[in-house]
Amino acid sequence: MHSPFPSFTLDLPAWAAHELTQLPSHIQAVEDRMRAVLNFARLNTEHQSGGPFAAGVFERDSGKLIIIGVNRVLPLNCSSAHAEITALTLAQQMLGTYDLGGPEMPAHQLVVNWSPCAMCFGAVLWSGIRSLVIAGADQEMMDITGFDEGPLPENWREELRKRGISFEEGVLREEALDGFRAFTATNPEVYNGRQGD
């Protein structure tokens, strides 16, 4: 007997599954990890399969690629289907653990094409990752795209460090901003739930 309630699957678009098979199993340099993430963000814009955001989970030290996720808010009708949520959730499912920093596990790194929003910041803290790498964290992405990333605490960088999460900022920043400009040029729907009065 089927449940009367809907179910939900957080997935990747078909193009992303194909692109993942084209990537090497290990990506050593953090800049090359970011390039792969930026390419997925660009393709998500081109395929109109979500917002202009992507995030990758890697083994921090070996460079082993676990997954690259993309924003899926609009196609899945799910406001929480941000790239970080997609990547972290799929990585946890693939590795069979809710804690990517669990005992006897390698340290995992999340690479994102901009700073986490208020929701994704919490997800980063609870995911167990040990390293966060972002392209940028200032107002410019929001100015370009119109997205509202929500209220991060002023000391969010220090909160990462307090929890043993190393942090690197500004990796391929200009390339990331170019991707946001390309997204804006498509005259997209910007899906902030509430845009003030």
C-alpha atoms as a PDB file:
ATOM      1  CA  MET A   1       0.000   0.000   0.000  1.00  0.00           C
ATOM      2  CA  HIS A   2       1.319   3.407  -0.975  1.00  0.00           C
ATOM      3  CA  SER A   3       1.672   6.210   1.530  1.00  0.00           C
ATOM      4  CA  PRO A   4      -0.805   9.066   1.018  1.00  0.00           C
ATOM      5  CA  PHE A   5       2.054  11.508   1.532  1.00  0.00           C
ATOM      6  CA  PRO A   6       4.465  12.681  -1.158  1.00  0.00           C
ATOM      7  CA  SER A   7       8.077  11.536  -1.197  1.00  0.00           C
ATOM      8  CA  PHE A   8      11.078  13.593  -2.174  1.00  0.00           C
ATOM      9  CA  THR A   9      14.288  12.795  -4.026  1.00  0.00           C
ATOM     10  CA  LEU A  10      17.239  15.155  -4.144  1.00  0.00           C
ATOM     11  CA  ASP A  11      18.986  14.385  -7.407  1.00  0.00           C
ATOM     12  CA  LEU A  12      21.270  15.729 -10.098  1.00  0.00           C
ATOM     13  CA  PRO A  13      20.180  16.645 -13.616  1.00  0.00           C
ATOM     14  CA  ALA A  14      21.079  14.121 -16.305  1.00  0.00           C
ATOM     15  CA  TRP A  15      23.806  16.317 -17.776  1.00  0.00           C
ATOM     16  CA  ALA A  16      25.597  16.407 -14.391  1.00  0.00           C
ATOM     17  CA  ALA A  17      25.668  12.640 -14.109  1.00  0.00           C
ATOM     18  CA  HIS A  18      27.350  12.533 -17.517  1.00  0.00           C
ATOM     19  CA  GLU A  19      29.813  15.312 -16.665  1.00  0.00           C
ATOM     20  CA  LEU A  20      30.873  13.547 -13.477  1.00  0.00           C
ATOM     21  CA  THR A  21      32.000  10.542 -15.544  1.00  0.00           C
ATOM     22  CA  GLN A  22      34.278  12.849 -17.556  1.00  0.00           C
ATOM     23  CA  LEU A  23      36.199  14.118 -14.522  1.00  0.00           C
ATOM     24  CA  PRO A  24      39.299  12.443 -13.093  1.00  0.00           C
ATOM     25  CA  SER A  25      38.826  10.382  -9.952  1.00  0.00           C
ATOM     26  CA  HIS A  26      41.250  12.653  -8.065  1.00  0.00           C
ATOM     27  CA  ILE A  27      41.797  16.411  -8.450  1.00  0.00           C
ATOM     28  CA  GLN A  28      44.846  17.545  -6.526  1.00  0.00           C
ATOM     29  CA  ALA A  29      45.034  21.340  -6.713  1.00  0.00           C
ATOM     30  CA  VAL A  30      42.337  23.346  -4.965  1.00  0.00           C
ATOM     31  CA  GLU A  31      42.175  25.687  -7.967  1.00  0.00           C
ATOM     32  CA  ASP A  32      41.410  22.718 -10.219  1.00  0.00           C
ATOM     33  CA  ARG A  33      38.704  21.562  -7.820  1.00  0.00           C
ATOM     34  CA  MET A  34      37.182  25.042  -8.026  1.00  0.00           C
ATOM     35  CA  ARG A  35      37.410  24.999 -11.837  1.00  0.00           C
ATOM     36  CA  ALA A  36      35.371  21.805 -11.897  1.00  0.00           C
ATOM     37  CA  VAL A  37      32.787  23.353  -9.563  1.00  0.00           C
ATOM     38  CA  LEU A  38      32.623  26.543 -11.652  1.00  0.00           C
ATOM     39  CA  ASN A  39      32.060  24.469 -14.780  1.00  0.00           C
ATOM     40  CA  PHE A  40      29.102  22.715 -13.130  1.00  0.00           C
ATOM     41  CA  ALA A  41      27.646  26.072 -12.077  1.00  0.00           C
ATOM     42  CA  ARG A  42      28.004  27.334 -15.651  1.00  0.00           C
ATOM     43  CA  LEU A  43      26.368  24.221 -17.082  1.00  0.00           C
ATOM     44  CA  ASN A  44      23.516  24.494 -14.591  1.00  0.00           C
ATOM     45  CA  THR A  45      22.828  27.957 -15.997  1.00  0.00           C
ATOM     46  CA  GLU A  46      23.122  26.800 -19.600  1.00  0.00           C
ATOM     47  CA  HIS A  47      20.820  23.811 -19.082  1.00  0.00           C
ATOM     48  CA  GLN A  48      18.382  25.898 -17.004  1.00  0.00           C
ATOM     49  CA  SER A  49      18.381  23.115 -14.414  1.00  0.00           C
ATOM     50  CA  GLY A  50      18.691  25.359 -11.338  1.00  0.00           C
ATOM     51  CA  GLY A  51      20.437  28.437 -10.015  1.00  0.00           C
ATOM     52  CA  PRO A  52      24.040  29.429 -10.825  1.00  0.00           C
ATOM     53  CA  PHE A  53      25.607  27.569  -7.919  1.00  0.00           C
ATOM     54  CA  ALA A  54      27.623  24.382  -7.552  1.00  0.00           C
ATOM     55  CA  ALA A  55      29.501  22.669  -4.726  1.00  0.00           C
ATOM     56  CA  GLY A  56      31.889  19.745  -4.689  1.00  0.00           C
ATOM     57  CA  VAL A  57      32.829  17.293  -1.952  1.00  0.00           C
ATOM     58  CA  PHE A  58      36.400  15.976  -2.107  1.00  0.00           C
ATOM     59  CA  GLU A  59      38.732  14.083   0.165  1.00  0.00           C
ATOM     60  CA  ARG A  60      40.797  17.044   1.327  1.00  0.00           C
ATOM     61  CA  ASP A  61      44.222  15.410   1.270  1.00  0.00           C
ATOM     62  CA  SER A  62      44.015  12.868  -1.557  1.00  0.00           C
ATOM     63  CA  GLY A  63      41.840  14.998  -3.846  1.00  0.00           C
ATOM     64  CA  LYS A  64      39.437  12.119  -4.443  1.00  0.00           C
ATOM     65  CA  LEU A  65      36.233  13.462  -5.983  1.00  0.00           C
ATOM     66  CA  ILE A  66      33.106  12.289  -4.165  1.00  0.00           C
ATOM     67  CA  ILE A  67      30.404  14.378  -5.885  1.00  0.00           C
ATOM     68  CA  ILE A  68      29.646  17.773  -7.376  1.00  0.00           C
ATOM     69  CA  GLY A  69      26.136  19.011  -6.712  1.00  0.00           C
ATOM     70  CA  VAL A  70      24.249  21.909  -8.229  1.00  0.00           C
ATOM     71  CA  ASN A  71      21.386  24.133  -7.159  1.00  0.00           C
ATOM     72  CA  ARG A  72      18.019  22.420  -7.840  1.00  0.00           C
ATOM     73  CA  VAL A  73      15.529  24.828  -6.228  1.00  0.00           C
ATOM     74  CA  LEU A  74      13.292  25.558  -9.206  1.00  0.00           C
ATOM     75  CA  PRO A  75      13.108  22.144 -10.906  1.00  0.00           C
ATOM     76  CA  LEU A  76      12.456  20.335  -7.618  1.00  0.00           C
ATOM     77  CA  ASN A  77      10.137  22.995  -6.127  1.00  0.00           C
ATOM     78  CA  CYS A  78      12.311  22.908  -3.019  1.00  0.00           C
ATOM     79  CA  SER A  79      13.686  26.102  -1.489  1.00  0.00           C
ATOM     80  CA  SER A  80      16.358  24.161   0.428  1.00  0.00           C
ATOM     81  CA  ALA A  81      17.818  22.371  -2.626  1.00  0.00           C
ATOM     82  CA  HIS A  82      20.894  24.599  -2.723  1.00  0.00           C
ATOM     83  CA  ALA A  83      24.143  23.334  -4.212  1.00  0.00           C
ATOM     84  CA  GLU A  84      25.768  22.759  -0.814  1.00  0.00           C
ATOM     85  CA  ILE A  85      22.765  20.805   0.446  1.00  0.00           C
ATOM     86  CA  THR A  86      22.721  18.706  -2.723  1.00  0.00           C
ATOM     87  CA  ALA A  87      26.452  17.967  -2.606  1.00  0.00           C
ATOM     88  CA  LEU A  88      26.606  17.208   1.120  1.00  0.00           C
ATOM     89  CA  THR A  89      23.465  15.058   1.077  1.00  0.00           C
ATOM     90  CA  LEU A  90      24.539  13.015  -1.945  1.00  0.00           C
ATOM     91  CA  ALA A  91      28.036  12.557  -0.487  1.00  0.00           C
ATOM     92  CA  GLN A  92      26.557  11.323   2.791  1.00  0.00           C
ATOM     93  CA  GLN A  93      24.313   8.896   0.928  1.00  0.00           C
ATOM     94  CA  MET A  94      27.189   7.651  -1.230  1.00  0.00           C
ATOM     95  CA  LEU A  95      29.465   7.150   1.783  1.00  0.00           C
ATOM     96  CA  GLY A  96      26.741   5.733   4.034  1.00  0.00           C
ATOM     97  CA  THR A  97      27.135   8.249   6.844  1.00  0.00           C
ATOM     98  CA  TYR A  98      25.533  11.442   8.100  1.00  0.00           C
ATOM     99  CA  ASP A  99      28.954  12.579   9.407  1.00  0.00           C
ATOM    100  CA  LEU A 100      31.603  13.322   6.800  1.00  0.00           C
ATOM    101  CA  GLY A 101      34.102  13.806   9.626  1.00  0.00           C
ATOM    102  CA  GLY A 102      33.350  10.571  11.426  1.00  0.00           C
ATOM    103  CA  PRO A 103      35.895   8.211  13.011  1.00  0.00           C
ATOM    104  CA  GLU A 104      38.354   6.538  10.659  1.00  0.00           C
ATOM    105  CA  MET A 105      37.180   8.666   7.731  1.00  0.00           C
ATOM    106  CA  PRO A 106      39.430  10.891   5.639  1.00  0.00           C
ATOM    107  CA  ALA A 107      38.917  14.611   6.059  1.00  0.00           C
ATOM    108  CA  HIS A 108      36.423  15.938   3.516  1.00  0.00           C
ATOM    109  CA  GLN A 109      36.446  19.341   1.856  1.00  0.00           C
ATOM    110  CA  LEU A 110      33.546  21.322   0.414  1.00  0.00           C
ATOM    111  CA  VAL A 111      34.378  23.600  -2.526  1.00  0.00           C
ATOM    112  CA  VAL A 112      31.695  26.164  -3.437  1.00  0.00           C
ATOM    113  CA  ASN A 113      31.489  28.895  -6.063  1.00  0.00           C
ATOM    114  CA  TRP A 114      30.507  31.485  -3.425  1.00  0.00           C
ATOM    115  CA  SER A 115      30.002  31.767   0.324  1.00  0.00           C
ATOM    116  CA  PRO A 116      27.216  29.718   1.926  1.00  0.00           C
ATOM    117  CA  CYS A 117      23.833  31.315   2.549  1.00  0.00           C
ATOM    118  CA  ALA A 118      22.387  31.395   6.061  1.00  0.00           C
ATOM    119  CA  MET A 119      20.851  27.923   5.630  1.00  0.00           C
ATOM    120  CA  CYS A 120      23.874  26.315   4.020  1.00  0.00           C
ATOM    121  CA  PHE A 121      26.184  27.726   6.672  1.00  0.00           C
ATOM    122  CA  GLY A 122      24.334  25.602   9.212  1.00  0.00           C
ATOM    123  CA  ALA A 123      24.501  22.589   6.908  1.00  0.00           C
ATOM    124  CA  VAL A 124      28.266  23.029   6.575  1.00  0.00           C
ATOM    125  CA  LEU A 125      28.673  23.073  10.360  1.00  0.00           C
ATOM    126  CA  TRP A 126      26.623  19.888  10.874  1.00  0.00           C
ATOM    127  CA  SER A 127      27.944  17.942   7.881  1.00  0.00           C
ATOM    128  CA  GLY A 128      31.272  16.890   9.383  1.00  0.00           C
ATOM    129  CA  ILE A 129      33.414  18.399   6.649  1.00  0.00           C
ATOM    130  CA  ARG A 130      36.824  19.584   7.813  1.00  0.00           C
ATOM    131  CA  SER A 131      37.577  22.169   5.112  1.00  0.00           C
ATOM    132  CA  LEU A 132      35.604  24.839   3.233  1.00  0.00           C
ATOM    133  CA  VAL A 133      36.897  26.561   0.103  1.00  0.00           C
ATOM    134  CA  ILE A 134      34.942  29.377  -1.539  1.00  0.00           C
ATOM    135  CA  ALA A 135      35.413  31.738  -4.480  1.00  0.00           C
ATOM    136  CA  GLY A 136      34.187  34.811  -2.615  1.00  0.00           C
ATOM    137  CA  ALA A 137      32.086  36.096   0.251  1.00  0.00           C
ATOM    138  CA  ASP A 138      31.301  39.741  -0.362  1.00  0.00           C
ATOM    139  CA  GLN A 139      28.215  41.583  -1.587  1.00  0.00           C
ATOM    140  CA  GLU A 140      29.178  41.531  -5.275  1.00  0.00           C
ATOM    141  CA  MET A 141      27.495  38.220  -6.139  1.00  0.00           C
ATOM    142  CA  MET A 142      24.203  39.438  -4.636  1.00  0.00           C
ATOM    143  CA  ASP A 143      24.536  42.777  -6.443  1.00  0.00           C
ATOM    144  CA  ILE A 144      25.014  40.961  -9.754  1.00  0.00           C
ATOM    145  CA  THR A 145      22.303  38.311  -9.371  1.00  0.00           C
ATOM    146  CA  GLY A 146      19.739  39.756  -6.974  1.00  0.00           C
ATOM    147  CA  PHE A 147      19.843  36.716  -4.685  1.00  0.00           C
ATOM    148  CA  ASP A 148      19.434  37.289  -0.950  1.00  0.00           C
ATOM    149  CA  GLU A 149      21.807  35.035   0.959  1.00  0.00           C
ATOM    150  CA  GLY A 150      20.345  35.811   4.362  1.00  0.00           C
ATOM    151  CA  PRO A 151      21.911  36.918   7.630  1.00  0.00           C
ATOM    152  CA  LEU A 152      25.191  35.150   8.332  1.00  0.00           C
ATOM    153  CA  PRO A 153      26.651  35.876  11.766  1.00  0.00           C
ATOM    154  CA  GLU A 154      29.371  38.515  11.648  1.00  0.00           C
ATOM    155  CA  ASN A 155      31.933  36.051  12.984  1.00  0.00           C
ATOM    156  CA  TRP A 156      30.991  33.156  10.682  1.00  0.00           C
ATOM    157  CA  ARG A 157      34.583  32.568   9.595  1.00  0.00           C
ATOM    158  CA  GLU A 158      35.683  32.236  13.210  1.00  0.00           C
ATOM    159  CA  GLU A 159      32.766  29.891  13.906  1.00  0.00           C
ATOM    160  CA  LEU A 160      34.145  27.576  11.217  1.00  0.00           C
ATOM    161  CA  ARG A 161      37.601  27.608  12.784  1.00  0.00           C
ATOM    162  CA  LYS A 162      36.191  27.023  16.282  1.00  0.00           C
ATOM    163  CA  ARG A 163      34.631  23.826  14.953  1.00  0.00           C
ATOM    164  CA  GLY A 164      37.839  22.608  13.331  1.00  0.00           C
ATOM    165  CA  ILE A 165      36.856  23.532   9.767  1.00  0.00           C
ATOM    166  CA  SER A 166      39.737  25.087   7.857  1.00  0.00           C
ATOM    167  CA  PHE A 167      38.785  27.882   5.490  1.00  0.00           C
ATOM    168  CA  GLU A 168      40.094  29.313   2.226  1.00  0.00           C
ATOM    169  CA  GLU A 169      38.488  32.279   0.475  1.00  0.00           C
ATOM    170  CA  GLY A 170      39.024  34.009  -2.877  1.00  0.00           C
ATOM    171  CA  VAL A 171      39.849  30.978  -5.050  1.00  0.00           C
ATOM    172  CA  LEU A 172      39.105  31.944  -8.694  1.00  0.00           C
ATOM    173  CA  ARG A 173      36.890  34.795  -7.518  1.00  0.00           C
ATOM    174  CA  GLU A 174      36.763  36.664 -10.831  1.00  0.00           C
ATOM    175  CA  GLU A 175      35.912  33.497 -12.766  1.00  0.00           C
ATOM    176  CA  ALA A 176      33.040  32.869 -10.339  1.00  0.00           C
ATOM    177  CA  LEU A 177      31.735  36.412 -10.802  1.00  0.00           C
ATOM    178  CA  ASP A 178      31.858  35.949 -14.587  1.00  0.00           C
ATOM    179  CA  GLY A 179      29.570  32.949 -14.136  1.00  0.00           C
ATOM    180  CA  PHE A 180      27.076  35.016 -12.148  1.00  0.00           C
ATOM    181  CA  ARG A 181      27.121  37.707 -14.855  1.00  0.00           C
ATOM    182  CA  ALA A 182      26.393  35.054 -17.481  1.00  0.00           C
ATOM    183  CA  PHE A 183      23.473  33.826 -15.370  1.00  0.00           C
ATOM    184  CA  THR A 184      22.046  37.342 -15.045  1.00  0.00           C
ATOM    185  CA  ALA A 185      22.314  37.844 -18.814  1.00  0.00           C
ATOM    186  CA  THR A 186      19.753  35.043 -19.291  1.00  0.00           C
ATOM    187  CA  ASN A 187      17.097  37.183 -17.530  1.00  0.00           C
ATOM    188  CA  PRO A 188      16.422  34.355 -15.058  1.00  0.00           C
ATOM    189  CA  GLU A 189      13.859  33.946 -12.321  1.00  0.00           C
ATOM    190  CA  VAL A 190      15.441  34.931  -9.001  1.00  0.00           C
ATOM    191  CA  TYR A 191      13.694  32.863  -6.374  1.00  0.00           C
ATOM    192  CA  ASN A 192      14.087  34.719  -3.094  1.00  0.00           C
ATOM    193  CA  GLY A 193      11.082  33.638  -1.066  1.00  0.00           C
ATOM    194  CA  ARG A 194      10.465  37.099   0.371  1.00  0.00           C
ATOM    195  CA  GLN A 195      11.929  40.300  -1.012  1.00  0.00           C
ATOM    196  CA  GLY A 196      10.900  42.719   1.713  1.00  0.00           C
ATOM    197  CA  ASP A 197       7.979  45.116   1.743  1.00  0.00           C
END
